[in-house]
Amino acid sequence: MRFVKAHSCPGCHAQHDAVSGWNNPDAMPKAGDFSICLYCAIVTIYCADGTMRVAADDEIPDPVRLLAATHPTAHGTSKLKH
């Protein structure tokens, strides 16, 4: 896990100040990387300026979709088509 500049989830506005990579917990996010909010399970994409935006349904690869859909907080709030 890495600490980063605090930012808000564009879905639920929860404040995040840490990231963890899927295969590498020390990896820092880069433009185009996906993220799943720990609070609302919405899928976001990192932008080049370091902000995040909500991923369009057709942008989300199946493995990321599955992770978001099975996330403990995904009880109907993830806005994904399952």
C-alpha atoms as a PDB file:
ATOM      1  CA  MET A   1       0.000   0.000   0.000  1.00  0.00           C
ATOM      2  CA  ARG A   2       1.174   3.509  -0.832  1.00  0.00           C
ATOM      3  CA  PHE A   3      -0.014   6.788   0.604  1.00  0.00           C
ATOM      4  CA  VAL A   4      -0.998   9.398  -1.969  1.00  0.00           C
ATOM      5  CA  LYS A   5      -2.420  12.897  -1.993  1.00  0.00           C
ATOM      6  CA  ALA A   6      -5.969  12.720  -0.610  1.00  0.00           C
ATOM      7  CA  HIS A   7      -8.647  12.569  -3.274  1.00  0.00           C
ATOM      8  CA  SER A   8     -12.401  11.980  -3.388  1.00  0.00           C
ATOM      9  CA  CYS A   9     -14.213   9.110  -5.033  1.00  0.00           C
ATOM     10  CA  PRO A  10     -16.245  10.590  -7.892  1.00  0.00           C
ATOM     11  CA  GLY A  11     -19.061   8.181  -7.011  1.00  0.00           C
ATOM     12  CA  CYS A  12     -19.590   8.484  -3.244  1.00  0.00           C
ATOM     13  CA  HIS A  13     -17.121  11.304  -2.434  1.00  0.00           C
ATOM     14  CA  ALA A  14     -15.318   9.203   0.183  1.00  0.00           C
ATOM     15  CA  GLN A  15     -11.823  10.494   0.902  1.00  0.00           C
ATOM     16  CA  HIS A  16      -8.939   8.204  -0.071  1.00  0.00           C
ATOM     17  CA  ASP A  17      -5.274   8.714   0.767  1.00  0.00           C
ATOM     18  CA  ALA A  18      -3.801   5.319  -0.093  1.00  0.00           C
ATOM     19  CA  VAL A  19      -3.614   2.953  -3.054  1.00  0.00           C
ATOM     20  CA  SER A  20      -2.668  -0.673  -3.505  1.00  0.00           C
ATOM     21  CA  GLY A  21      -1.947  -2.461  -6.762  1.00  0.00           C
ATOM     22  CA  TRP A  22      -3.509  -5.785  -7.691  1.00  0.00           C
ATOM     23  CA  ASN A  23      -0.234  -7.552  -8.501  1.00  0.00           C
ATOM     24  CA  ASN A  24       2.108  -5.078  -6.842  1.00  0.00           C
ATOM     25  CA  PRO A  25       0.968  -3.424  -3.602  1.00  0.00           C
ATOM     26  CA  ASP A  26       3.708  -0.795  -3.937  1.00  0.00           C
ATOM     27  CA  ALA A  27       2.761   0.309  -7.453  1.00  0.00           C
ATOM     28  CA  MET A  28       1.642   3.886  -7.968  1.00  0.00           C
ATOM     29  CA  PRO A  29      -1.386   4.452 -10.221  1.00  0.00           C
ATOM     30  CA  LYS A  30      -0.865   5.919 -13.673  1.00  0.00           C
ATOM     31  CA  ALA A  31      -3.209   7.325 -16.290  1.00  0.00           C
ATOM     32  CA  GLY A  32      -5.553   4.635 -17.560  1.00  0.00           C
ATOM     33  CA  ASP A  33      -5.357   2.433 -14.455  1.00  0.00           C
ATOM     34  CA  PHE A  34      -8.616   1.256 -12.932  1.00  0.00           C
ATOM     35  CA  SER A  35      -9.577   1.624  -9.289  1.00  0.00           C
ATOM     36  CA  ILE A  36     -12.442   0.250  -7.217  1.00  0.00           C
ATOM     37  CA  CYS A  37     -13.688   2.404  -4.354  1.00  0.00           C
ATOM     38  CA  LEU A  38     -13.517   0.578  -1.027  1.00  0.00           C
ATOM     39  CA  TYR A  39     -16.657   2.374   0.132  1.00  0.00           C
ATOM     40  CA  CYS A  40     -19.067   2.183  -2.824  1.00  0.00           C
ATOM     41  CA  ALA A  41     -17.353  -0.277  -5.239  1.00  0.00           C
ATOM     42  CA  ILE A  42     -17.689   2.068  -8.204  1.00  0.00           C
ATOM     43  CA  VAL A  43     -15.037   1.571 -10.888  1.00  0.00           C
ATOM     44  CA  THR A  44     -12.961   4.629 -11.702  1.00  0.00           C
ATOM     45  CA  ILE A  45     -10.101   5.395 -14.072  1.00  0.00           C
ATOM     46  CA  TYR A  46      -7.067   7.511 -13.213  1.00  0.00           C
ATOM     47  CA  CYS A  47      -6.617  10.534 -15.488  1.00  0.00           C
ATOM     48  CA  ALA A  48      -3.280  12.020 -16.621  1.00  0.00           C
ATOM     49  CA  ASP A  49      -3.672  14.912 -14.145  1.00  0.00           C
ATOM     50  CA  GLY A  50      -3.990  12.498 -11.197  1.00  0.00           C
ATOM     51  CA  THR A  51      -7.737  12.860 -10.792  1.00  0.00           C
ATOM     52  CA  MET A  52     -10.196  10.016 -11.226  1.00  0.00           C
ATOM     53  CA  ARG A  53     -13.341   9.711 -13.301  1.00  0.00           C
ATOM     54  CA  VAL A  54     -16.153   7.177 -13.266  1.00  0.00           C
ATOM     55  CA  ALA A  55     -15.480   4.468 -15.844  1.00  0.00           C
ATOM     56  CA  ALA A  56     -18.093   4.032 -18.548  1.00  0.00           C
ATOM     57  CA  ASP A  57     -19.644   0.574 -18.483  1.00  0.00           C
ATOM     58  CA  ASP A  58     -18.121  -0.354 -21.850  1.00  0.00           C
ATOM     59  CA  GLU A  59     -14.597   0.606 -20.665  1.00  0.00           C
ATOM     60  CA  ILE A  60     -14.497  -1.872 -17.793  1.00  0.00           C
ATOM     61  CA  PRO A  61     -12.706  -5.160 -18.543  1.00  0.00           C
ATOM     62  CA  ASP A  62     -14.426  -8.309 -17.288  1.00  0.00           C
ATOM     63  CA  PRO A  63     -11.875  -9.068 -14.512  1.00  0.00           C
ATOM     64  CA  VAL A  64     -12.312  -5.554 -13.059  1.00  0.00           C
ATOM     65  CA  ARG A  65     -16.109  -5.835 -13.435  1.00  0.00           C
ATOM     66  CA  LEU A  66     -16.070  -9.114 -11.509  1.00  0.00           C
ATOM     67  CA  LEU A  67     -13.950  -7.669  -8.710  1.00  0.00           C
ATOM     68  CA  ALA A  68     -16.262  -4.665  -8.368  1.00  0.00           C
ATOM     69  CA  ALA A  69     -19.419  -6.786  -8.511  1.00  0.00           C
ATOM     70  CA  THR A  70     -18.185  -9.147  -5.789  1.00  0.00           C
ATOM     71  CA  HIS A  71     -16.714  -6.427  -3.576  1.00  0.00           C
ATOM     72  CA  PRO A  72     -18.266  -6.476  -0.076  1.00  0.00           C
ATOM     73  CA  THR A  73     -19.632  -2.952  -0.553  1.00  0.00           C
ATOM     74  CA  ALA A  74     -21.184  -3.675  -3.972  1.00  0.00           C
ATOM     75  CA  HIS A  75     -24.673  -4.236  -2.602  1.00  0.00           C
ATOM     76  CA  GLY A  76     -26.414  -2.510  -5.481  1.00  0.00           C
ATOM     77  CA  THR A  77     -24.363   0.685  -5.380  1.00  0.00           C
ATOM     78  CA  SER A  78     -21.711  -0.129  -7.958  1.00  0.00           C
ATOM     79  CA  LYS A  79     -23.842   1.103 -10.892  1.00  0.00           C
ATOM     80  CA  LEU A  80     -22.491  -1.752 -13.024  1.00  0.00           C
ATOM     81  CA  LYS A  81     -24.567  -3.909 -15.325  1.00  0.00           C
ATOM     82  CA  HIS A  82     -23.985  -7.397 -13.940  1.00  0.00           C
END
